Amino acid sequence: MIKGTVKGKVWSSRRVPSLPSGALLDVETESGARMIAFDPLGCNTGETVLITQGSVAAAYFNGRNAPVDALIIGSIDDDTNT
């Protein structure tokens, strides 16, 4: 898993039909890298999140072949270890 902070939303006026409803978020990881992650949870800017990637992210969408490589799977409520 990857830990990161949501920096904002990525707006897209057109999407491929197999992409489910949800937001695309710009996330900065602990290493300083940036990635776009699919968010089914409704996270907001400034939230600390956990991200999974690859086949695990794509497998979240049962019965659907969703083109998702990075998926937000959790929101960290209180990060006391930083």
C-alpha atoms as a PDB file:
ATOM      1  CA  MET A   1       0.000   0.000   0.000  1.00  0.00           C
ATOM      2  CA  ILE A   2       1.008   3.581  -0.585  1.00  0.00           C
ATOM      3  CA  LYS A   3       0.319   6.431   1.816  1.00  0.00           C
ATOM      4  CA  GLY A   4      -0.377   9.869   0.406  1.00  0.00           C
ATOM      5  CA  THR A   5      -2.185  13.180   0.764  1.00  0.00           C
ATOM      6  CA  VAL A   6      -4.965  14.301  -1.554  1.00  0.00           C
ATOM      7  CA  LYS A   7      -3.927  17.515  -3.313  1.00  0.00           C
ATOM      8  CA  GLY A   8      -7.066  18.010  -5.397  1.00  0.00           C
ATOM      9  CA  LYS A   9      -9.476  16.583  -7.934  1.00  0.00           C
ATOM     10  CA  VAL A  10      -8.748  15.897 -11.584  1.00  0.00           C
ATOM     11  CA  TRP A  11     -11.671  16.953 -13.753  1.00  0.00           C
ATOM     12  CA  SER A  12     -12.454  15.011 -16.889  1.00  0.00           C
ATOM     13  CA  SER A  13     -15.245  15.943 -19.275  1.00  0.00           C
ATOM     14  CA  ARG A  14     -14.987  12.599 -21.094  1.00  0.00           C
ATOM     15  CA  ARG A  15     -14.274   9.099 -19.792  1.00  0.00           C
ATOM     16  CA  VAL A  16     -14.206   5.602 -21.219  1.00  0.00           C
ATOM     17  CA  PRO A  17     -17.536   3.853 -20.600  1.00  0.00           C
ATOM     18  CA  SER A  18     -15.999   1.103 -18.435  1.00  0.00           C
ATOM     19  CA  LEU A  19     -14.753   3.591 -15.822  1.00  0.00           C
ATOM     20  CA  PRO A  20     -17.179   3.488 -12.874  1.00  0.00           C
ATOM     21  CA  SER A  21     -18.647   6.524 -11.162  1.00  0.00           C
ATOM     22  CA  GLY A  22     -16.233   8.160  -8.751  1.00  0.00           C
ATOM     23  CA  ALA A  23     -13.621  10.857  -8.545  1.00  0.00           C
ATOM     24  CA  LEU A  24     -10.100  10.994  -9.912  1.00  0.00           C
ATOM     25  CA  LEU A  25      -7.808  12.538  -7.307  1.00  0.00           C
ATOM     26  CA  ASP A  26      -4.313  14.002  -7.496  1.00  0.00           C
ATOM     27  CA  VAL A  27      -2.359  12.418  -4.616  1.00  0.00           C
ATOM     28  CA  GLU A  28       1.139  13.232  -3.361  1.00  0.00           C
ATOM     29  CA  THR A  29       2.874  10.205  -1.842  1.00  0.00           C
ATOM     30  CA  GLU A  30       5.235  10.249   1.141  1.00  0.00           C
ATOM     31  CA  SER A  31       8.175  10.125  -1.281  1.00  0.00           C
ATOM     32  CA  GLY A  32       6.955  13.313  -2.985  1.00  0.00           C
ATOM     33  CA  ALA A  33       5.768  11.569  -6.160  1.00  0.00           C
ATOM     34  CA  ARG A  34       2.362  12.470  -7.587  1.00  0.00           C
ATOM     35  CA  MET A  35      -0.228  10.054  -8.940  1.00  0.00           C
ATOM     36  CA  ILE A  36      -3.824  10.017 -10.065  1.00  0.00           C
ATOM     37  CA  ALA A  37      -5.948   7.583  -8.043  1.00  0.00           C
ATOM     38  CA  PHE A  38      -9.566   6.531  -8.420  1.00  0.00           C
ATOM     39  CA  ASP A  39     -11.639   7.368  -5.336  1.00  0.00           C
ATOM     40  CA  PRO A  40     -14.827   5.418  -4.556  1.00  0.00           C
ATOM     41  CA  LEU A  41     -14.893   6.759  -0.968  1.00  0.00           C
ATOM     42  CA  GLY A  42     -15.481  10.493  -1.443  1.00  0.00           C
ATOM     43  CA  CYS A  43     -12.188  11.776  -0.001  1.00  0.00           C
ATOM     44  CA  ASN A  44     -11.396  15.493   0.115  1.00  0.00           C
ATOM     45  CA  THR A  45      -8.343  17.684  -0.413  1.00  0.00           C
ATOM     46  CA  GLY A  46      -5.920  17.419   2.502  1.00  0.00           C
ATOM     47  CA  GLU A  47      -6.976  13.921   3.582  1.00  0.00           C
ATOM     48  CA  THR A  48      -4.347  11.250   4.142  1.00  0.00           C
ATOM     49  CA  VAL A  49      -5.222   8.130   2.168  1.00  0.00           C
ATOM     50  CA  LEU A  50      -4.058   4.585   1.476  1.00  0.00           C
ATOM     51  CA  ILE A  51      -3.696   3.494  -2.144  1.00  0.00           C
ATOM     52  CA  THR A  52      -3.311   0.097  -3.753  1.00  0.00           C
ATOM     53  CA  GLN A  53      -2.139  -0.419  -7.321  1.00  0.00           C
ATOM     54  CA  GLY A  54      -2.153  -2.902 -10.160  1.00  0.00           C
ATOM     55  CA  SER A  55      -4.296  -6.027 -10.358  1.00  0.00           C
ATOM     56  CA  VAL A  56      -5.523  -5.585  -6.776  1.00  0.00           C
ATOM     57  CA  ALA A  57      -6.956  -2.173  -7.686  1.00  0.00           C
ATOM     58  CA  ALA A  58      -8.610  -3.470 -10.855  1.00  0.00           C
ATOM     59  CA  ALA A  59     -10.063  -6.520  -9.054  1.00  0.00           C
ATOM     60  CA  TYR A  60     -12.079  -4.239  -6.725  1.00  0.00           C
ATOM     61  CA  PHE A  61     -14.685  -3.791  -9.455  1.00  0.00           C
ATOM     62  CA  ASN A  62     -16.426  -7.193  -9.467  1.00  0.00           C
ATOM     63  CA  GLY A  63     -17.793  -8.194 -12.851  1.00  0.00           C
ATOM     64  CA  ARG A  64     -16.366  -5.115 -14.518  1.00  0.00           C
ATOM     65  CA  ASN A  65     -13.206  -4.597 -16.536  1.00  0.00           C
ATOM     66  CA  ALA A  66     -12.392  -1.136 -15.141  1.00  0.00           C
ATOM     67  CA  PRO A  67      -9.219   0.595 -16.362  1.00  0.00           C
ATOM     68  CA  VAL A  68      -8.054   1.521 -12.833  1.00  0.00           C
ATOM     69  CA  ASP A  69      -4.412   1.139 -11.793  1.00  0.00           C
ATOM     70  CA  ALA A  70      -4.443   3.150  -8.538  1.00  0.00           C
ATOM     71  CA  LEU A  71      -7.343   2.875  -6.081  1.00  0.00           C
ATOM     72  CA  ILE A  72      -7.915   4.697  -2.799  1.00  0.00           C
ATOM     73  CA  ILE A  73      -8.887   1.990  -0.309  1.00  0.00           C
ATOM     74  CA  GLY A  74      -8.876   3.945   2.942  1.00  0.00           C
ATOM     75  CA  SER A  75      -8.799   7.337   4.597  1.00  0.00           C
ATOM     76  CA  ILE A  76      -6.543   7.734   7.633  1.00  0.00           C
ATOM     77  CA  ASP A  77      -8.473   9.584  10.331  1.00  0.00           C
ATOM     78  CA  ASP A  78      -5.624  10.353  12.725  1.00  0.00           C
ATOM     79  CA  ASP A  79      -2.013   9.886  11.728  1.00  0.00           C
ATOM     80  CA  THR A  80      -0.065  10.037  15.004  1.00  0.00           C
ATOM     81  CA  ASN A  81       3.094   8.398  13.652  1.00  0.00           C
ATOM     82  CA  THR A  82       4.434  11.285  11.582  1.00  0.00           C
END
